[in-house]
Amino acid sequence: MAGTKTSKVGGKNLKKESKEQKRLRLLAEKESFDQCRKLLPIFGGILLLLILVFSFYVNSIPPAPLQNIEEQKIDLRDFTVEQLEEMVQQSNDEGFASKIEEYKRMLER
């Protein structure tokens, strides 16, 4: 029982490991460290490849076409009367302006 002495550290009784146990523990740590050193570059490469593929995919998607406000189907109930008046002033389309004016008259009833 030469290698099984106990020491009191921090109020706990801990067994000291023997030289053979320490050697086996260090050997297991070294083997696991070597395995990680082999696998981490592979996982890093796979992650980089996935990021690149995703960025190429996102770049290949065409942007959505912009629609003119007059061409959009707008729910006029979402706007206040002041906002509607401003939209009439800024609009170049008479049909759109007349729809807004008609809606405002309907609100006043």
PDB file of N, CA and C in Angstrom:
ATOM      1  N   MET A   1       0.801  -1.175   0.000  1.00  0.00           N
ATOM      2  CA  MET A   1       0.000   0.000   0.000  1.00  0.00           C
ATOM      3  C   MET A   1       0.858   1.259   0.000  1.00  0.00           C
ATOM      4  N   ALA A   2       1.884   1.210  -0.762  1.00  0.00           N
ATOM      5  CA  ALA A   2       2.783   2.350  -0.803  1.00  0.00           C
ATOM      6  C   ALA A   2       2.170   3.516  -1.564  1.00  0.00           C
ATOM      7  N   GLY A   3       1.378   3.233  -2.607  1.00  0.00           N
ATOM      8  CA  GLY A   3       0.850   4.308  -3.442  1.00  0.00           C
ATOM      9  C   GLY A   3      -0.568   4.690  -3.110  1.00  0.00           C
ATOM     10  N   THR A   4      -1.117   4.267  -1.972  1.00  0.00           N
ATOM     11  CA  THR A   4      -2.516   4.569  -1.664  1.00  0.00           C
ATOM     12  C   THR A   4      -2.640   5.469  -0.445  1.00  0.00           C
ATOM     13  N   LYS A   5      -1.743   6.395  -0.299  1.00  0.00           N
ATOM     14  CA  LYS A   5      -1.825   7.332   0.819  1.00  0.00           C
ATOM     15  C   LYS A   5      -2.974   8.302   0.572  1.00  0.00           C
ATOM     16  N   THR A   6      -3.524   8.805   1.653  1.00  0.00           N
ATOM     17  CA  THR A   6      -4.576   9.809   1.529  1.00  0.00           C
ATOM     18  C   THR A   6      -4.038  11.150   1.990  1.00  0.00           C
ATOM     19  N   SER A   7      -4.589  12.197   1.399  1.00  0.00           N
ATOM     20  CA  SER A   7      -4.209  13.541   1.838  1.00  0.00           C
ATOM     21  C   SER A   7      -5.484  14.334   2.045  1.00  0.00           C
ATOM     22  N   LYS A   8      -5.410  15.248   2.954  1.00  0.00           N
ATOM     23  CA  LYS A   8      -6.583  16.051   3.261  1.00  0.00           C
ATOM     24  C   LYS A   8      -6.422  17.394   2.557  1.00  0.00           C
ATOM     25  N   VAL A   9      -7.267  17.609   1.510  1.00  0.00           N
ATOM     26  CA  VAL A   9      -7.218  18.848   0.752  1.00  0.00           C
ATOM     27  C   VAL A   9      -8.614  19.447   0.752  1.00  0.00           C
ATOM     28  N   GLY A  10      -8.750  20.625   1.271  1.00  0.00           N
ATOM     29  CA  GLY A  10     -10.044  21.298   1.253  1.00  0.00           C
ATOM     30  C   GLY A  10     -11.097  20.568   2.057  1.00  0.00           C
ATOM     31  N   GLY A  11     -10.717  19.862   3.106  1.00  0.00           N
ATOM     32  CA  GLY A  11     -11.674  19.162   3.939  1.00  0.00           C
ATOM     33  C   GLY A  11     -12.126  17.836   3.367  1.00  0.00           C
ATOM     34  N   LYS A  12     -11.502  17.370   2.277  1.00  0.00           N
ATOM     35  CA  LYS A  12     -11.895  16.095   1.669  1.00  0.00           C
ATOM     36  C   LYS A  12     -10.716  15.138   1.721  1.00  0.00           C
ATOM     37  N   ASN A  13     -11.013  13.899   1.967  1.00  0.00           N
ATOM     38  CA  ASN A  13      -9.978  12.873   1.919  1.00  0.00           C
ATOM     39  C   ASN A  13      -9.868  12.361   0.496  1.00  0.00           C
ATOM     40  N   LEU A  14      -8.739  12.582  -0.150  1.00  0.00           N
ATOM     41  CA  LEU A  14      -8.519  12.140  -1.517  1.00  0.00           C
ATOM     42  C   LEU A  14      -7.394  11.124  -1.538  1.00  0.00           C
ATOM     43  N   LYS A  15      -7.586  10.066  -2.313  1.00  0.00           N
ATOM     44  CA  LYS A  15      -6.519   9.082  -2.472  1.00  0.00           C
ATOM     45  C   LYS A  15      -5.537   9.592  -3.502  1.00  0.00           C
ATOM     46  N   LYS A  16      -4.266   9.446  -3.190  1.00  0.00           N
ATOM     47  CA  LYS A  16      -3.255   9.768  -4.185  1.00  0.00           C
ATOM     48  C   LYS A  16      -3.197   8.605  -5.158  1.00  0.00           C
ATOM     49  N   GLU A  17      -3.075   8.942  -6.433  1.00  0.00           N
ATOM     50  CA  GLU A  17      -3.012   7.864  -7.421  1.00  0.00           C
ATOM     51  C   GLU A  17      -1.579   7.343  -7.509  1.00  0.00           C
ATOM     52  N   SER A  18      -1.496   6.077  -7.796  1.00  0.00           N
ATOM     53  CA  SER A  18      -0.172   5.464  -7.910  1.00  0.00           C
ATOM     54  C   SER A  18       0.466   5.888  -9.228  1.00  0.00           C
ATOM     55  N   LYS A  19       1.742   5.597  -9.372  1.00  0.00           N
ATOM     56  CA  LYS A  19       2.451   5.955 -10.604  1.00  0.00           C
ATOM     57  C   LYS A  19       1.844   5.240 -11.801  1.00  0.00           C
ATOM     58  N   GLU A  20       1.427   4.003 -11.605  1.00  0.00           N
ATOM     59  CA  GLU A  20       0.822   3.238 -12.702  1.00  0.00           C
ATOM     60  C   GLU A  20      -0.523   3.847 -13.109  1.00  0.00           C
ATOM     61  N   GLN A  21      -1.336   4.244 -12.128  1.00  0.00           N
ATOM     62  CA  GLN A  21      -2.626   4.869 -12.428  1.00  0.00           C
ATOM     63  C   GLN A  21      -2.432   6.206 -13.135  1.00  0.00           C
ATOM     64  N   LYS A  22      -1.447   6.963 -12.675  1.00  0.00           N
ATOM     65  CA  LYS A  22      -1.166   8.251 -13.300  1.00  0.00           C
ATOM     66  C   LYS A  22      -0.695   8.062 -14.732  1.00  0.00           C
ATOM     67  N   ARG A  23       0.157   7.058 -14.951  1.00  0.00           N
ATOM     68  CA  ARG A  23       0.656   6.780 -16.296  1.00  0.00           C
ATOM     69  C   ARG A  23      -0.493   6.388 -17.219  1.00  0.00           C
ATOM     70  N   LEU A  24      -1.404   5.541 -16.729  1.00  0.00           N
ATOM     71  CA  LEU A  24      -2.550   5.126 -17.535  1.00  0.00           C
ATOM     72  C   LEU A  24      -3.482   6.306 -17.824  1.00  0.00           C
ATOM     73  N   ARG A  25      -3.691   7.168 -16.816  1.00  0.00           N
ATOM     74  CA  ARG A  25      -4.547   8.337 -17.015  1.00  0.00           C
ATOM     75  C   ARG A  25      -3.939   9.285 -18.038  1.00  0.00           C
ATOM     76  N   LEU A  26      -2.662   9.549 -17.923  1.00  0.00           N
ATOM     77  CA  LEU A  26      -1.992  10.439 -18.873  1.00  0.00           C
ATOM     78  C   LEU A  26      -1.988   9.852 -20.277  1.00  0.00           C
ATOM     79  N   LEU A  27      -1.829   8.533 -20.379  1.00  0.00           N
ATOM     80  CA  LEU A  27      -1.860   7.872 -21.682  1.00  0.00           C
ATOM     81  C   LEU A  27      -3.252   8.002 -22.313  1.00  0.00           C
ATOM     82  N   ALA A  28      -4.299   7.814 -21.514  1.00  0.00           N
ATOM     83  CA  ALA A  28      -5.668   7.951 -22.022  1.00  0.00           C
ATOM     84  C   ALA A  28      -5.946   9.400 -22.436  1.00  0.00           C
ATOM     85  N   GLU A  29      -5.446  10.361 -21.642  1.00  0.00           N
ATOM     86  CA  GLU A  29      -5.624  11.768 -22.011  1.00  0.00           C
ATOM     87  C   GLU A  29      -4.920  12.088 -23.317  1.00  0.00           C
ATOM     88  N   LYS A  30      -3.723  11.555 -23.491  1.00  0.00           N
ATOM     89  CA  LYS A  30      -2.958  11.808 -24.718  1.00  0.00           C
ATOM     90  C   LYS A  30      -3.667  11.204 -25.927  1.00  0.00           C
ATOM     91  N   GLU A  31      -4.210   9.996 -25.773  1.00  0.00           N
ATOM     92  CA  GLU A  31      -4.928   9.360 -26.879  1.00  0.00           C
ATOM     93  C   GLU A  31      -6.184  10.160 -27.255  1.00  0.00           C
ATOM     94  N   SER A  32      -6.907  10.616 -26.252  1.00  0.00           N
ATOM     95  CA  SER A  32      -8.116  11.395 -26.551  1.00  0.00           C
ATOM     96  C   SER A  32      -7.751  12.743 -27.169  1.00  0.00           C
ATOM     97  N   PHE A  33      -6.660  13.349 -26.721  1.00  0.00           N
ATOM     98  CA  PHE A  33      -6.201  14.606 -27.302  1.00  0.00           C
ATOM     99  C   PHE A  33      -5.797  14.402 -28.758  1.00  0.00           C
ATOM    100  N   ASP A  34      -5.108  13.305 -29.050  1.00  0.00           N
ATOM    101  CA  ASP A  34      -4.705  13.019 -30.429  1.00  0.00           C
ATOM    102  C   ASP A  34      -5.923  12.787 -31.324  1.00  0.00           C
ATOM    103  N   GLN A  35      -6.936  12.111 -30.804  1.00  0.00           N
ATOM    104  CA  GLN A  35      -8.158  11.900 -31.582  1.00  0.00           C
ATOM    105  C   GLN A  35      -8.842  13.228 -31.890  1.00  0.00           C
ATOM    106  N   CYS A  36      -8.893  14.103 -30.904  1.00  0.00           N
ATOM    107  CA  CYS A  36      -9.508  15.419 -31.134  1.00  0.00           C
ATOM    108  C   CYS A  36      -8.718  16.214 -32.161  1.00  0.00           C
ATOM    109  N   ARG A  37      -7.406  16.131 -32.113  1.00  0.00           N
ATOM    110  CA  ARG A  37      -6.579  16.867 -33.074  1.00  0.00           C
ATOM    111  C   ARG A  37      -6.792  16.347 -34.487  1.00  0.00           C
ATOM    112  N   LYS A  38      -7.179  15.088 -34.634  1.00  0.00           N
ATOM    113  CA  LYS A  38      -7.453  14.540 -35.964  1.00  0.00           C
ATOM    114  C   LYS A  38      -8.855  14.940 -36.447  1.00  0.00           C
ATOM    115  N   LEU A  39      -9.830  14.981 -35.544  1.00  0.00           N
ATOM    116  CA  LEU A  39     -11.221  15.210 -35.939  1.00  0.00           C
ATOM    117  C   LEU A  39     -11.600  16.686 -36.056  1.00  0.00           C
ATOM    118  N   LEU A  40     -10.999  17.551 -35.252  1.00  0.00           N
ATOM    119  CA  LEU A  40     -11.391  18.959 -35.279  1.00  0.00           C
ATOM    120  C   LEU A  40     -11.171  19.623 -36.632  1.00  0.00           C
ATOM    121  N   PRO A  41     -10.059  19.410 -37.328  1.00  0.00           N
ATOM    122  CA  PRO A  41      -9.927  20.023 -38.656  1.00  0.00           C
ATOM    123  C   PRO A  41     -10.976  19.522 -39.650  1.00  0.00           C
ATOM    124  N   ILE A  42     -11.361  18.268 -39.524  1.00  0.00           N
ATOM    125  CA  ILE A  42     -12.390  17.722 -40.412  1.00  0.00           C
ATOM    126  C   ILE A  42     -13.723  18.425 -40.154  1.00  0.00           C
ATOM    127  N   PHE A  43     -14.097  18.561 -38.875  1.00  0.00           N
ATOM    128  CA  PHE A  43     -15.348  19.244 -38.541  1.00  0.00           C
ATOM    129  C   PHE A  43     -15.291  20.715 -38.937  1.00  0.00           C
ATOM    130  N   GLY A  44     -14.147  21.343 -38.767  1.00  0.00           N
ATOM    131  CA  GLY A  44     -13.993  22.734 -39.185  1.00  0.00           C
ATOM    132  C   GLY A  44     -14.152  22.889 -40.684  1.00  0.00           C
ATOM    133  N   GLY A  45     -13.581  21.959 -41.450  1.00  0.00           N
ATOM    134  CA  GLY A  45     -13.713  21.998 -42.906  1.00  0.00           C
ATOM    135  C   GLY A  45     -15.145  21.794 -43.351  1.00  0.00           C
ATOM    136  N   ILE A  46     -15.841  20.867 -42.699  1.00  0.00           N
ATOM    137  CA  ILE A  46     -17.246  20.622 -43.034  1.00  0.00           C
ATOM    138  C   ILE A  46     -18.085  21.862 -42.730  1.00  0.00           C
ATOM    139  N   LEU A  47     -17.830  22.497 -41.585  1.00  0.00           N
ATOM    140  CA  LEU A  47     -18.569  23.707 -41.223  1.00  0.00           C
ATOM    141  C   LEU A  47     -18.299  24.827 -42.223  1.00  0.00           C
ATOM    142  N   LEU A  48     -17.056  25.004 -42.619  1.00  0.00           N
ATOM    143  CA  LEU A  48     -16.712  26.030 -43.602  1.00  0.00           C
ATOM    144  C   LEU A  48     -17.386  25.740 -44.942  1.00  0.00           C
ATOM    145  N   LEU A  49     -17.405  24.480 -45.346  1.00  0.00           N
ATOM    146  CA  LEU A  49     -18.058  24.098 -46.594  1.00  0.00           C
ATOM    147  C   LEU A  49     -19.559  24.396 -46.541  1.00  0.00           C
ATOM    148  N   LEU A  50     -20.201  24.092 -45.419  1.00  0.00           N
ATOM    149  CA  LEU A  50     -21.631  24.376 -45.278  1.00  0.00           C
ATOM    150  C   LEU A  50     -21.910  25.876 -45.345  1.00  0.00           C
ATOM    151  N   ILE A  51     -21.056  26.667 -44.721  1.00  0.00           N
ATOM    152  CA  ILE A  51     -21.237  28.123 -44.769  1.00  0.00           C
ATOM    153  C   ILE A  51     -21.089  28.626 -46.199  1.00  0.00           C
ATOM    154  N   LEU A  52     -20.103  28.119 -46.922  1.00  0.00           N
ATOM    155  CA  LEU A  52     -19.903  28.540 -48.308  1.00  0.00           C
ATOM    156  C   LEU A  52     -21.079  28.134 -49.196  1.00  0.00           C
ATOM    157  N   VAL A  53     -21.552  26.907 -49.046  1.00  0.00           N
ATOM    158  CA  VAL A  53     -22.689  26.440 -49.849  1.00  0.00           C
ATOM    159  C   VAL A  53     -23.921  27.288 -49.549  1.00  0.00           C
ATOM    160  N   PHE A  54     -24.153  27.585 -48.280  1.00  0.00           N
ATOM    161  CA  PHE A  54     -25.298  28.416 -47.911  1.00  0.00           C
ATOM    162  C   PHE A  54     -25.166  29.818 -48.494  1.00  0.00           C
ATOM    163  N   SER A  55     -23.973  30.388 -48.454  1.00  0.00           N
ATOM    164  CA  SER A  55     -23.803  31.746 -48.999  1.00  0.00           C
ATOM    165  C   SER A  55     -24.002  31.760 -50.513  1.00  0.00           C
ATOM    166  N   PHE A  56     -23.538  30.711 -51.219  1.00  0.00           N
ATOM    167  CA  PHE A  56     -23.785  30.641 -52.664  1.00  0.00           C
ATOM    168  C   PHE A  56     -25.277  30.489 -52.955  1.00  0.00           C
ATOM    169  N   TYR A  57     -25.965  29.707 -52.140  1.00  0.00           N
ATOM    170  CA  TYR A  57     -27.406  29.522 -52.317  1.00  0.00           C
ATOM    171  C   TYR A  57     -28.147  30.847 -52.114  1.00  0.00           C
ATOM    172  N   VAL A  58     -27.817  31.552 -51.040  1.00  0.00           N
ATOM    173  CA  VAL A  58     -28.487  32.820 -50.757  1.00  0.00           C
ATOM    174  C   VAL A  58     -28.193  33.830 -51.859  1.00  0.00           C
ATOM    175  N   ASN A  59     -26.973  33.827 -52.360  1.00  0.00           N
ATOM    176  CA  ASN A  59     -26.598  34.766 -53.409  1.00  0.00           C
ATOM    177  C   ASN A  59     -27.307  34.455 -54.727  1.00  0.00           C
ATOM    178  N   SER A  60     -27.681  33.191 -54.944  1.00  0.00           N
ATOM    179  CA  SER A  60     -28.307  32.813 -56.210  1.00  0.00           C
ATOM    180  C   SER A  60     -29.802  33.127 -56.252  1.00  0.00           C
ATOM    181  N   ILE A  61     -30.420  33.410 -55.109  1.00  0.00           N
ATOM    182  CA  ILE A  61     -31.848  33.717 -55.075  1.00  0.00           C
ATOM    183  C   ILE A  61     -32.052  35.142 -55.581  1.00  0.00           C
ATOM    184  N   PRO A  62     -32.894  35.325 -56.600  1.00  0.00           N
ATOM    185  CA  PRO A  62     -33.122  36.686 -57.096  1.00  0.00           C
ATOM    186  C   PRO A  62     -33.950  37.484 -56.091  1.00  0.00           C
ATOM    187  N   PRO A  63     -33.713  38.783 -56.018  1.00  0.00           N
ATOM    188  CA  PRO A  63     -34.497  39.589 -55.081  1.00  0.00           C
ATOM    189  C   PRO A  63     -35.948  39.692 -55.533  1.00  0.00           C
ATOM    190  N   ALA A  64     -36.815  39.884 -54.580  1.00  0.00           N
ATOM    191  CA  ALA A  64     -38.238  40.026 -54.895  1.00  0.00           C
ATOM    192  C   ALA A  64     -38.454  41.342 -55.625  1.00  0.00           C
ATOM    193  N   PRO A  65     -39.297  41.325 -56.645  1.00  0.00           N
ATOM    194  CA  PRO A  65     -39.537  42.575 -57.380  1.00  0.00           C
ATOM    195  C   PRO A  65     -40.282  43.577 -56.503  1.00  0.00           C
ATOM    196  N   LEU A  66     -39.901  44.827 -56.641  1.00  0.00           N
ATOM    197  CA  LEU A  66     -40.570  45.881 -55.891  1.00  0.00           C
ATOM    198  C   LEU A  66     -41.877  46.239 -56.579  1.00  0.00           C
ATOM    199  N   GLN A  67     -42.880  46.516 -55.789  1.00  0.00           N
ATOM    200  CA  GLN A  67     -44.169  46.910 -56.345  1.00  0.00           C
ATOM    201  C   GLN A  67     -44.423  48.372 -56.028  1.00  0.00           C
ATOM    202  N   ASN A  68     -45.009  49.039 -56.976  1.00  0.00           N
ATOM    203  CA  ASN A  68     -45.390  50.419 -56.769  1.00  0.00           C
ATOM    204  C   ASN A  68     -46.552  50.455 -55.789  1.00  0.00           C
ATOM    205  N   ILE A  69     -46.624  51.481 -54.983  1.00  0.00           N
ATOM    206  CA  ILE A  69     -47.675  51.543 -53.969  1.00  0.00           C
ATOM    207  C   ILE A  69     -49.062  51.562 -54.596  1.00  0.00           C
ATOM    208  N   GLU A  70     -49.173  52.112 -55.808  1.00  0.00           N
ATOM    209  CA  GLU A  70     -50.470  52.148 -56.471  1.00  0.00           C
ATOM    210  C   GLU A  70     -50.898  50.760 -56.934  1.00  0.00           C
ATOM    211  N   GLU A  71     -49.930  49.872 -57.186  1.00  0.00           N
ATOM    212  CA  GLU A  71     -50.245  48.534 -57.685  1.00  0.00           C
ATOM    213  C   GLU A  71     -50.521  47.547 -56.555  1.00  0.00           C
ATOM    214  N   GLN A  72     -50.134  47.891 -55.355  1.00  0.00           N
ATOM    215  CA  GLN A  72     -50.331  46.976 -54.239  1.00  0.00           C
ATOM    216  C   GLN A  72     -51.786  46.997 -53.795  1.00  0.00           C
ATOM    217  N   LYS A  73     -52.195  45.887 -53.242  1.00  0.00           N
ATOM    218  CA  LYS A  73     -53.536  45.829 -52.674  1.00  0.00           C
ATOM    219  C   LYS A  73     -53.413  46.274 -51.223  1.00  0.00           C
ATOM    220  N   ILE A  74     -53.884  47.466 -50.957  1.00  0.00           N
ATOM    221  CA  ILE A  74     -53.712  48.070 -49.647  1.00  0.00           C
ATOM    222  C   ILE A  74     -55.043  48.042 -48.911  1.00  0.00           C
ATOM    223  N   ASP A  75     -54.977  47.668 -47.660  1.00  0.00           N
ATOM    224  CA  ASP A  75     -56.158  47.748 -46.817  1.00  0.00           C
ATOM    225  C   ASP A  75     -56.170  49.145 -46.201  1.00  0.00           C
ATOM    226  N   LEU A  76     -57.078  49.970 -46.664  1.00  0.00           N
ATOM    227  CA  LEU A  76     -57.100  51.369 -46.249  1.00  0.00           C
ATOM    228  C   LEU A  76     -57.468  51.531 -44.781  1.00  0.00           C
ATOM    229  N   ARG A  77     -58.014  50.498 -44.173  1.00  0.00           N
ATOM    230  CA  ARG A  77     -58.383  50.582 -42.760  1.00  0.00           C
ATOM    231  C   ARG A  77     -57.159  50.660 -41.853  1.00  0.00           C
ATOM    232  N   ASP A  78     -55.975  50.330 -42.397  1.00  0.00           N
ATOM    233  CA  ASP A  78     -54.755  50.360 -41.592  1.00  0.00           C
ATOM    234  C   ASP A  78     -54.186  51.769 -41.437  1.00  0.00           C
ATOM    235  N   PHE A  79     -54.751  52.761 -42.128  1.00  0.00           N
ATOM    236  CA  PHE A  79     -54.198  54.110 -42.135  1.00  0.00           C
ATOM    237  C   PHE A  79     -55.150  55.084 -41.465  1.00  0.00           C
ATOM    238  N   THR A  80     -54.582  56.133 -40.902  1.00  0.00           N
ATOM    239  CA  THR A  80     -55.403  57.204 -40.336  1.00  0.00           C
ATOM    240  C   THR A  80     -55.843  58.132 -41.467  1.00  0.00           C
ATOM    241  N   VAL A  81     -56.779  59.034 -41.162  1.00  0.00           N
ATOM    242  CA  VAL A  81     -57.283  59.966 -42.173  1.00  0.00           C
ATOM    243  C   VAL A  81     -56.157  60.880 -42.640  1.00  0.00           C
ATOM    244  N   GLU A  82     -55.310  61.315 -41.716  1.00  0.00           N
ATOM    245  CA  GLU A  82     -54.192  62.188 -42.086  1.00  0.00           C
ATOM    246  C   GLU A  82     -53.229  61.473 -43.032  1.00  0.00           C
ATOM    247  N   GLN A  83     -52.965  60.210 -42.747  1.00  0.00           N
ATOM    248  CA  GLN A  83     -52.078  59.437 -43.625  1.00  0.00           C
ATOM    249  C   GLN A  83     -52.706  59.259 -45.002  1.00  0.00           C
ATOM    250  N   LEU A  84     -54.012  59.048 -45.040  1.00  0.00           N
ATOM    251  CA  LEU A  84     -54.695  58.890 -46.323  1.00  0.00           C
ATOM    252  C   LEU A  84     -54.637  60.177 -47.137  1.00  0.00           C
ATOM    253  N   GLU A  85     -54.812  61.320 -46.474  1.00  0.00           N
ATOM    254  CA  GLU A  85     -54.727  62.596 -47.183  1.00  0.00           C
ATOM    255  C   GLU A  85     -53.327  62.811 -47.751  1.00  0.00           C
ATOM    256  N   GLU A  86     -52.320  62.430 -46.988  1.00  0.00           N
ATOM    257  CA  GLU A  86     -50.943  62.551 -47.472  1.00  0.00           C
ATOM    258  C   GLU A  86     -50.708  61.627 -48.664  1.00  0.00           C
ATOM    259  N   MET A  87     -51.281  60.429 -48.623  1.00  0.00           N
ATOM    260  CA  MET A  87     -51.134  59.496 -49.744  1.00  0.00           C
ATOM    261  C   MET A  87     -51.804  60.047 -50.999  1.00  0.00           C
ATOM    262  N   VAL A  88     -52.943  60.721 -50.838  1.00  0.00           N
ATOM    263  CA  VAL A  88     -53.632  61.317 -51.988  1.00  0.00           C
ATOM    264  C   VAL A  88     -52.762  62.405 -52.597  1.00  0.00           C
ATOM    265  N   GLN A  89     -52.138  63.222 -51.765  1.00  0.00           N
ATOM    266  CA  GLN A  89     -51.295  64.307 -52.265  1.00  0.00           C
ATOM    267  C   GLN A  89     -50.068  63.770 -53.003  1.00  0.00           C
ATOM    268  N   GLN A  90     -49.507  62.663 -52.524  1.00  0.00           N
ATOM    269  CA  GLN A  90     -48.292  62.120 -53.131  1.00  0.00           C
ATOM    270  C   GLN A  90     -48.580  61.227 -54.327  1.00  0.00           C
ATOM    271  N   SER A  91     -49.801  60.796 -54.493  1.00  0.00           N
ATOM    272  CA  SER A  91     -50.133  59.847 -55.548  1.00  0.00           C
ATOM    273  C   SER A  91     -50.281  60.544 -56.894  1.00  0.00           C
ATOM    274  N   ASN A  92     -49.774  59.888 -57.933  1.00  0.00           N
ATOM    275  CA  ASN A  92     -49.925  60.385 -59.302  1.00  0.00           C
ATOM    276  C   ASN A  92     -51.082  59.699 -60.018  1.00  0.00           C
ATOM    277  N   ASP A  93     -51.593  58.636 -59.429  1.00  0.00           N
ATOM    278  CA  ASP A  93     -52.647  57.839 -60.050  1.00  0.00           C
ATOM    279  C   ASP A  93     -54.008  58.367 -59.588  1.00  0.00           C
ATOM    280  N   GLU A  94     -54.818  58.795 -60.532  1.00  0.00           N
ATOM    281  CA  GLU A  94     -56.141  59.335 -60.201  1.00  0.00           C
ATOM    282  C   GLU A  94     -57.071  58.253 -59.655  1.00  0.00           C
ATOM    283  N   GLY A  95     -56.941  57.032 -60.163  1.00  0.00           N
ATOM    284  CA  GLY A  95     -57.800  55.944 -59.698  1.00  0.00           C
ATOM    285  C   GLY A  95     -57.535  55.622 -58.236  1.00  0.00           C
ATOM    286  N   PHE A  96     -56.284  55.619 -57.860  1.00  0.00           N
ATOM    287  CA  PHE A  96     -55.907  55.344 -56.477  1.00  0.00           C
ATOM    288  C   PHE A  96     -56.401  56.470 -55.574  1.00  0.00           C
ATOM    289  N   ALA A  97     -56.206  57.704 -56.022  1.00  0.00           N
ATOM    290  CA  ALA A  97     -56.651  58.850 -55.227  1.00  0.00           C
ATOM    291  C   ALA A  97     -58.166  58.842 -55.069  1.00  0.00           C
ATOM    292  N   SER A  98     -58.883  58.473 -56.118  1.00  0.00           N
ATOM    293  CA  SER A  98     -60.346  58.442 -56.020  1.00  0.00           C
ATOM    294  C   SER A  98     -60.809  57.343 -55.065  1.00  0.00           C
ATOM    295  N   LYS A  99     -60.097  56.218 -55.039  1.00  0.00           N
ATOM    296  CA  LYS A  99     -60.457  55.145 -54.099  1.00  0.00           C
ATOM    297  C   LYS A  99     -60.277  55.617 -52.658  1.00  0.00           C
ATOM    298  N   ILE A 100     -59.204  56.354 -52.418  1.00  0.00           N
ATOM    299  CA  ILE A 100     -58.960  56.849 -51.063  1.00  0.00           C
ATOM    300  C   ILE A 100     -60.027  57.873 -50.680  1.00  0.00           C
ATOM    301  N   GLU A 101     -60.349  58.772 -51.603  1.00  0.00           N
ATOM    302  CA  GLU A 101     -61.385  59.770 -51.326  1.00  0.00           C
ATOM    303  C   GLU A 101     -62.731  59.096 -51.057  1.00  0.00           C
ATOM    304  N   GLU A 102     -63.033  58.066 -51.814  1.00  0.00           N
ATOM    305  CA  GLU A 102     -64.283  57.329 -51.627  1.00  0.00           C
ATOM    306  C   GLU A 102     -64.305  56.669 -50.250  1.00  0.00           C
ATOM    307  N   TYR A 103     -63.182  56.108 -49.849  1.00  0.00           N
ATOM    308  CA  TYR A 103     -63.093  55.462 -48.538  1.00  0.00           C
ATOM    309  C   TYR A 103     -63.248  56.500 -47.423  1.00  0.00           C
ATOM    310  N   LYS A 104     -62.645  57.674 -47.593  1.00  0.00           N
ATOM    311  CA  LYS A 104     -62.769  58.725 -46.585  1.00  0.00           C
ATOM    312  C   LYS A 104     -64.219  59.179 -46.443  1.00  0.00           C
ATOM    313  N   ARG A 105     -64.940  59.305 -47.563  1.00  0.00           N
ATOM    314  CA  ARG A 105     -66.358  59.681 -47.503  1.00  0.00           C
ATOM    315  C   ARG A 105     -67.166  58.607 -46.786  1.00  0.00           C
ATOM    316  N   MET A 106     -66.815  57.344 -47.023  1.00  0.00           N
ATOM    317  CA  MET A 106     -67.517  56.254 -46.370  1.00  0.00           C
ATOM    318  C   MET A 106     -67.273  56.306 -44.855  1.00  0.00           C
ATOM    319  N   LEU A 107     -66.079  56.713 -44.447  1.00  0.00           N
ATOM    320  CA  LEU A 107     -65.779  56.812 -43.020  1.00  0.00           C
ATOM    321  C   LEU A 107     -66.560  57.940 -42.354  1.00  0.00           C
ATOM    322  N   GLU A 108     -66.791  59.005 -43.085  1.00  0.00           N
ATOM    323  CA  GLU A 108     -67.473  60.161 -42.515  1.00  0.00           C
ATOM    324  C   GLU A 108     -68.955  59.903 -42.290  1.00  0.00           C
ATOM    325  N   ARG A 109     -69.537  58.954 -42.954  1.00  0.00           N
ATOM    326  CA  ARG A 109     -70.972  58.657 -42.809  1.00  0.00           C
ATOM    327  C   ARG A 109     -71.305  58.083 -41.482  1.00  0.00           C
TER     328      ARG A 109
END
